[in-house]
Amino acid sequence: MSVHSKLYEGKAKILYTTDDPEVLLADFKDDATAFNAQKRGSILGKGRINCSIASQLFQQLELSGIKTHFIDNPQPHQMRVKAVKILPLEVVVRNIAAGSLCQQTGLALGTVLKQPLVEFYYKNDQLGDPLLTRDRLLLMELATAEQVDEITHLALQINEFLKEFWLGCGITLVDFKLEFGLDSQQQILLADEISPDTCRLWKTTETDPNRRVLDKDRFRKDLGNVEDAYEEVLQRVLQAVETKK
């Protein structure tokens, strides 16, 4: 597979075209950003770790019947993916109150939600990725009503799978962000990544609110040991996958 030109560079990845128009190469970076890139830094080995975690999780999701853009890993920090047109939506699924949900509603951190909450945010840095109602989303023609229904169903399905998977790793899935894209047949595929960058992950047996954090909140909140936390998540994922074989 020969790599051609840079197609897109985001905060966490660079996408390259390949000699197959249906296939792209995602190169995961060590760069770290928070608060819409107002805070910037670097997490040593993050690209390799997140690529490995996302690859394992995509493969597990595929086995459970969820279609993703994942193809394979030519290098530890690289992923070959199916070319998709990304829908400009960040789909957030919440199981436990944290982050902006607490700030905007007054719910106490750690409140377990009676049922998972699915939220849509407009993927637009200039506007600060605002929370959208369904009607606004449809008004802006960011997706069709049918696509919104399908994405909501998929997000809840993915949540059920991931909650159980992470629990098998001794990790509680607090909330997470998903992105979806359309392939050349207009089929909706799960895209982007699933990693400590996109999930809030708490060590299940740890009660200390800082020590339990195994995700990007360690970087956001200057909790330290960011690399160690990411590496611990990877090792737990690999062990869980090995156990399932």
Protein backbone atom coordinates (compact mmCIF):
# COMPACT_ATOMS: atom_id res chain seq x y z
CA MET A 1 0.00 0.00 0.00
CA SER A 2 1.51 3.31 -1.03
CA VAL A 3 0.58 6.48 0.83
CA HIS A 4 -0.19 9.55 -1.25
CA SER A 5 -1.00 13.02 0.09
CA LYS A 6 -2.19 14.37 3.42
CA LEU A 7 -5.97 14.63 3.27
CA TYR A 8 -6.72 16.11 6.68
CA GLU A 9 -5.00 16.88 9.97
CA GLY A 10 -7.01 16.99 13.17
CA LYS A 11 -6.07 17.39 16.83
CA ALA A 12 -5.23 13.70 17.32
CA LYS A 13 -4.72 12.19 13.84
CA ILE A 14 -3.48 12.83 10.31
CA LEU A 15 -5.40 11.19 7.44
CA TYR A 16 -3.59 10.24 4.25
CA THR A 17 -4.95 9.04 0.92
CA THR A 18 -3.67 5.71 -0.45
CA ASP A 19 -3.57 4.11 -3.89
CA ASP A 20 -7.09 2.80 -3.16
CA PRO A 21 -9.67 5.66 -3.11
CA GLU A 22 -11.82 3.58 -0.74
CA VAL A 23 -9.00 3.29 1.84
CA LEU A 24 -7.33 5.95 4.02
CA LEU A 25 -4.40 5.76 6.43
CA ALA A 26 -4.90 7.29 9.88
CA ASP A 27 -1.68 8.28 11.69
CA PHE A 28 -2.28 8.76 15.43
CA LYS A 29 -0.35 11.66 17.02
CA ASP A 30 1.09 12.10 20.52
CA ASP A 31 -0.39 15.63 20.63
CA ALA A 32 -2.92 16.26 23.39
CA THR A 33 -5.53 19.02 23.48
CA ALA A 34 -8.35 19.96 25.86
CA PHE A 35 -11.04 22.64 26.14
CA ASN A 36 -11.37 22.97 22.34
CA ALA A 37 -7.57 23.10 21.92
CA GLN A 38 -7.14 25.97 24.40
CA LYS A 39 -4.89 23.64 26.38
CA ARG A 40 -2.18 21.87 24.39
CA GLY A 41 0.50 19.38 25.25
CA SER A 42 1.95 16.01 24.37
CA ILE A 43 1.46 12.57 25.90
CA LEU A 44 4.42 10.28 25.20
CA GLY A 45 3.31 7.19 23.27
CA LYS A 46 -0.34 8.33 23.07
CA GLY A 47 -0.56 7.74 19.32
CA ARG A 48 0.58 4.13 19.60
CA ILE A 49 -1.54 3.44 22.70
CA ASN A 50 -4.77 5.00 21.38
CA CYS A 51 -4.35 3.34 17.98
CA SER A 52 -3.88 -0.06 19.66
CA ILE A 53 -6.86 0.40 22.01
CA ALA A 54 -9.15 1.67 19.22
CA SER A 55 -8.10 -1.18 16.91
CA GLN A 56 -8.89 -3.81 19.54
CA LEU A 57 -12.26 -2.22 20.37
CA PHE A 58 -13.27 -1.80 16.72
CA GLN A 59 -12.49 -5.49 16.11
CA GLN A 60 -14.52 -6.52 19.16
CA LEU A 61 -17.43 -4.33 18.02
CA GLU A 62 -17.26 -5.84 14.50
CA LEU A 63 -17.52 -9.31 16.07
CA SER A 64 -20.66 -8.14 17.88
CA GLY A 65 -22.25 -6.94 14.62
CA ILE A 66 -21.41 -3.21 14.68
CA LYS A 67 -20.01 -1.99 11.35
CA THR A 68 -16.90 0.22 11.68
CA HIS A 69 -14.37 1.87 9.36
CA PHE A 70 -11.49 -0.26 10.72
CA ILE A 71 -9.47 -2.39 8.29
CA ASP A 72 -6.11 -3.18 9.93
CA ASN A 73 -2.90 -1.86 11.58
CA PRO A 74 0.12 -1.56 9.25
CA GLN A 75 2.12 0.10 12.10
CA PRO A 76 1.51 0.40 15.89
CA HIS A 77 0.45 4.07 15.51
CA GLN A 78 -1.32 3.67 12.15
CA MET A 79 -4.71 2.34 11.17
CA ARG A 80 -6.02 1.62 7.68
CA VAL A 81 -9.66 2.64 7.50
CA LYS A 82 -12.49 2.69 4.98
CA ALA A 83 -12.96 6.13 3.46
CA VAL A 84 -16.13 7.70 4.86
CA LYS A 85 -17.75 11.12 4.76
CA ILE A 86 -17.83 12.08 8.44
CA LEU A 87 -21.15 13.46 9.66
CA PRO A 88 -20.40 16.78 11.46
CA LEU A 89 -21.78 15.43 14.74
CA GLU A 90 -20.20 14.38 18.00
CA VAL A 91 -22.46 11.77 19.57
CA VAL A 92 -21.99 11.61 23.34
CA VAL A 93 -23.38 8.75 25.42
CA ARG A 94 -23.51 9.26 29.19
CA ASN A 95 -24.02 6.62 31.90
CA ILE A 96 -22.77 8.63 34.89
CA ALA A 97 -22.87 12.42 35.39
CA ALA A 98 -19.51 14.10 34.78
CA GLY A 99 -17.98 17.02 32.90
CA SER A 100 -20.30 19.43 31.11
CA LEU A 101 -23.42 17.52 32.22
CA CYS A 102 -22.63 18.43 35.83
CA GLN A 103 -21.71 22.01 34.93
CA GLN A 104 -24.89 22.60 32.93
CA THR A 105 -27.44 20.76 35.09
CA GLY A 106 -26.09 20.88 38.63
CA LEU A 107 -26.10 17.08 38.88
CA ALA A 108 -23.45 15.85 41.30
CA LEU A 109 -20.34 14.21 39.83
CA GLY A 110 -20.80 10.45 39.88
CA THR A 111 -24.63 10.46 39.76
CA VAL A 112 -25.64 7.23 38.00
CA LEU A 113 -28.22 8.03 35.31
CA LYS A 114 -31.42 5.97 35.31
CA GLN A 115 -30.94 5.36 31.61
CA PRO A 116 -28.14 6.24 29.17
CA LEU A 117 -28.33 9.76 27.76
CA VAL A 118 -27.51 10.28 24.05
CA GLU A 119 -26.56 13.84 23.07
CA PHE A 120 -25.62 15.45 19.75
CA TYR A 121 -23.03 18.21 19.48
CA TYR A 122 -22.22 20.20 16.34
CA LYS A 123 -18.64 19.35 15.32
CA ASN A 124 -17.48 22.93 14.84
CA ASP A 125 -14.50 24.33 16.78
CA GLN A 126 -15.29 27.95 15.89
CA LEU A 127 -18.70 27.65 17.57
CA GLY A 128 -17.30 25.62 20.48
CA ASP A 129 -19.03 22.33 19.51
CA PRO A 130 -22.49 23.39 20.81
CA LEU A 131 -25.11 20.95 22.13
CA LEU A 132 -27.93 20.56 19.58
CA THR A 133 -31.59 19.68 19.93
CA ARG A 134 -32.93 17.18 17.40
CA ASP A 135 -34.94 19.95 15.70
CA ARG A 136 -31.88 22.19 15.34
CA LEU A 137 -29.87 19.29 13.96
CA LEU A 138 -32.55 18.62 11.32
CA LEU A 139 -32.98 22.35 10.60
CA MET A 140 -29.23 22.60 9.88
CA GLU A 141 -29.46 19.44 7.69
CA LEU A 142 -26.50 17.84 9.47
CA ALA A 143 -28.23 14.46 9.10
CA THR A 144 -31.63 13.12 8.06
CA ALA A 145 -34.28 12.08 10.60
CA GLU A 146 -33.67 8.43 9.62
CA GLN A 147 -29.91 8.83 10.14
CA VAL A 148 -30.46 10.41 13.56
CA ASP A 149 -32.67 7.47 14.57
CA GLU A 150 -30.13 4.93 13.29
CA ILE A 151 -27.20 6.70 14.98
CA THR A 152 -29.11 6.89 18.29
CA HIS A 153 -29.89 3.16 18.09
CA LEU A 154 -26.26 2.34 17.22
CA ALA A 155 -24.90 4.58 20.01
CA LEU A 156 -27.03 2.77 22.61
CA GLN A 157 -26.03 -0.62 21.17
CA ILE A 158 -22.33 0.35 21.30
CA ASN A 159 -22.80 1.63 24.86
CA GLU A 160 -24.22 -1.70 26.04
CA PHE A 161 -21.32 -3.58 24.46
CA LEU A 162 -18.63 -1.21 25.76
CA LYS A 163 -20.04 -1.02 29.31
CA GLU A 164 -19.75 -4.80 29.58
CA PHE A 165 -16.34 -4.90 27.89
CA TRP A 166 -14.84 -2.18 30.11
CA LEU A 167 -16.32 -3.84 33.20
CA GLY A 168 -14.39 -6.97 32.21
CA CYS A 169 -11.27 -4.75 32.32
CA GLY A 170 -12.11 -3.55 35.84
CA ILE A 171 -13.09 -0.17 34.38
CA THR A 172 -16.35 1.79 34.66
CA LEU A 173 -17.50 3.54 31.45
CA VAL A 174 -18.70 6.98 32.59
CA ASP A 175 -19.33 8.56 29.18
CA PHE A 176 -17.83 8.63 25.70
CA LYS A 177 -17.89 10.37 22.31
CA LEU A 178 -18.54 8.69 18.97
CA GLU A 179 -18.33 9.84 15.37
CA PHE A 180 -20.05 8.25 12.40
CA GLY A 181 -19.47 8.46 8.65
CA LEU A 182 -21.11 7.42 5.38
CA ASP A 183 -19.31 5.04 3.06
CA SER A 184 -19.67 5.06 -0.75
CA GLN A 185 -22.92 3.06 -0.39
CA GLN A 186 -24.29 5.64 2.07
CA GLN A 187 -24.05 3.06 4.85
CA ILE A 188 -23.45 4.45 8.35
CA LEU A 189 -20.16 3.24 9.86
CA LEU A 190 -18.66 3.91 13.28
CA ALA A 191 -15.53 5.99 12.64
CA ASP A 192 -12.82 8.05 14.42
CA GLU A 193 -11.55 6.19 17.54
CA ILE A 194 -12.53 4.80 20.93
CA SER A 195 -9.76 5.45 23.45
CA PRO A 196 -8.94 7.22 26.74
CA ASP A 197 -9.06 10.43 24.63
CA THR A 198 -12.74 9.90 23.81
CA CYS A 199 -14.01 8.01 26.88
CA ARG A 200 -14.22 8.82 30.60
CA LEU A 201 -12.90 5.70 32.30
CA TRP A 202 -12.78 5.12 36.06
CA LYS A 203 -10.99 2.28 37.81
CA THR A 204 -13.91 0.32 39.24
CA THR A 205 -12.30 -0.61 42.57
CA GLU A 206 -10.85 2.87 43.26
CA THR A 207 -12.97 5.35 45.29
CA ASP A 208 -10.57 8.31 45.29
CA PRO A 209 -11.97 10.75 42.66
CA ASN A 210 -8.52 11.56 41.28
CA ARG A 211 -6.75 8.20 41.51
CA ARG A 212 -9.61 6.38 39.74
CA VAL A 213 -9.26 8.48 36.54
CA LEU A 214 -7.73 6.55 33.59
CA ASP A 215 -8.54 8.96 30.75
CA LYS A 216 -7.81 12.41 29.29
CA ASP A 217 -9.17 14.08 32.44
CA ARG A 218 -5.73 13.36 33.88
CA PHE A 219 -4.36 15.79 31.27
CA ARG A 220 -7.29 18.25 31.47
CA LYS A 221 -7.08 18.54 35.25
CA ASP A 222 -3.27 18.23 35.63
CA LEU A 223 -3.59 15.04 37.70
CA GLY A 224 -0.24 13.68 36.48
CA ASN A 225 0.73 10.11 35.42
CA VAL A 226 -1.13 10.52 32.12
CA GLU A 227 1.10 8.13 30.17
CA ASP A 228 0.89 5.51 32.93
CA ALA A 229 -2.94 5.67 32.95
CA TYR A 230 -3.18 5.29 29.15
CA GLU A 231 -0.71 2.38 29.20
CA GLU A 232 -2.69 0.72 32.02
CA VAL A 233 -5.88 0.96 29.94
CA LEU A 234 -4.10 -0.66 26.95
CA GLN A 235 -2.77 -3.54 29.07
CA ARG A 236 -6.22 -4.15 30.58
CA VAL A 237 -7.80 -4.15 27.09
CA LEU A 238 -5.22 -6.59 25.70
CA GLN A 239 -5.72 -8.89 28.69
CA ALA A 240 -9.52 -8.80 28.31
CA VAL A 241 -9.29 -9.58 24.57
CA GLU A 242 -6.87 -12.44 25.26
CA THR A 243 -9.24 -13.85 27.91
CA LYS A 244 -12.16 -13.80 25.42
CA LYS A 245 -10.27 -15.92 22.86
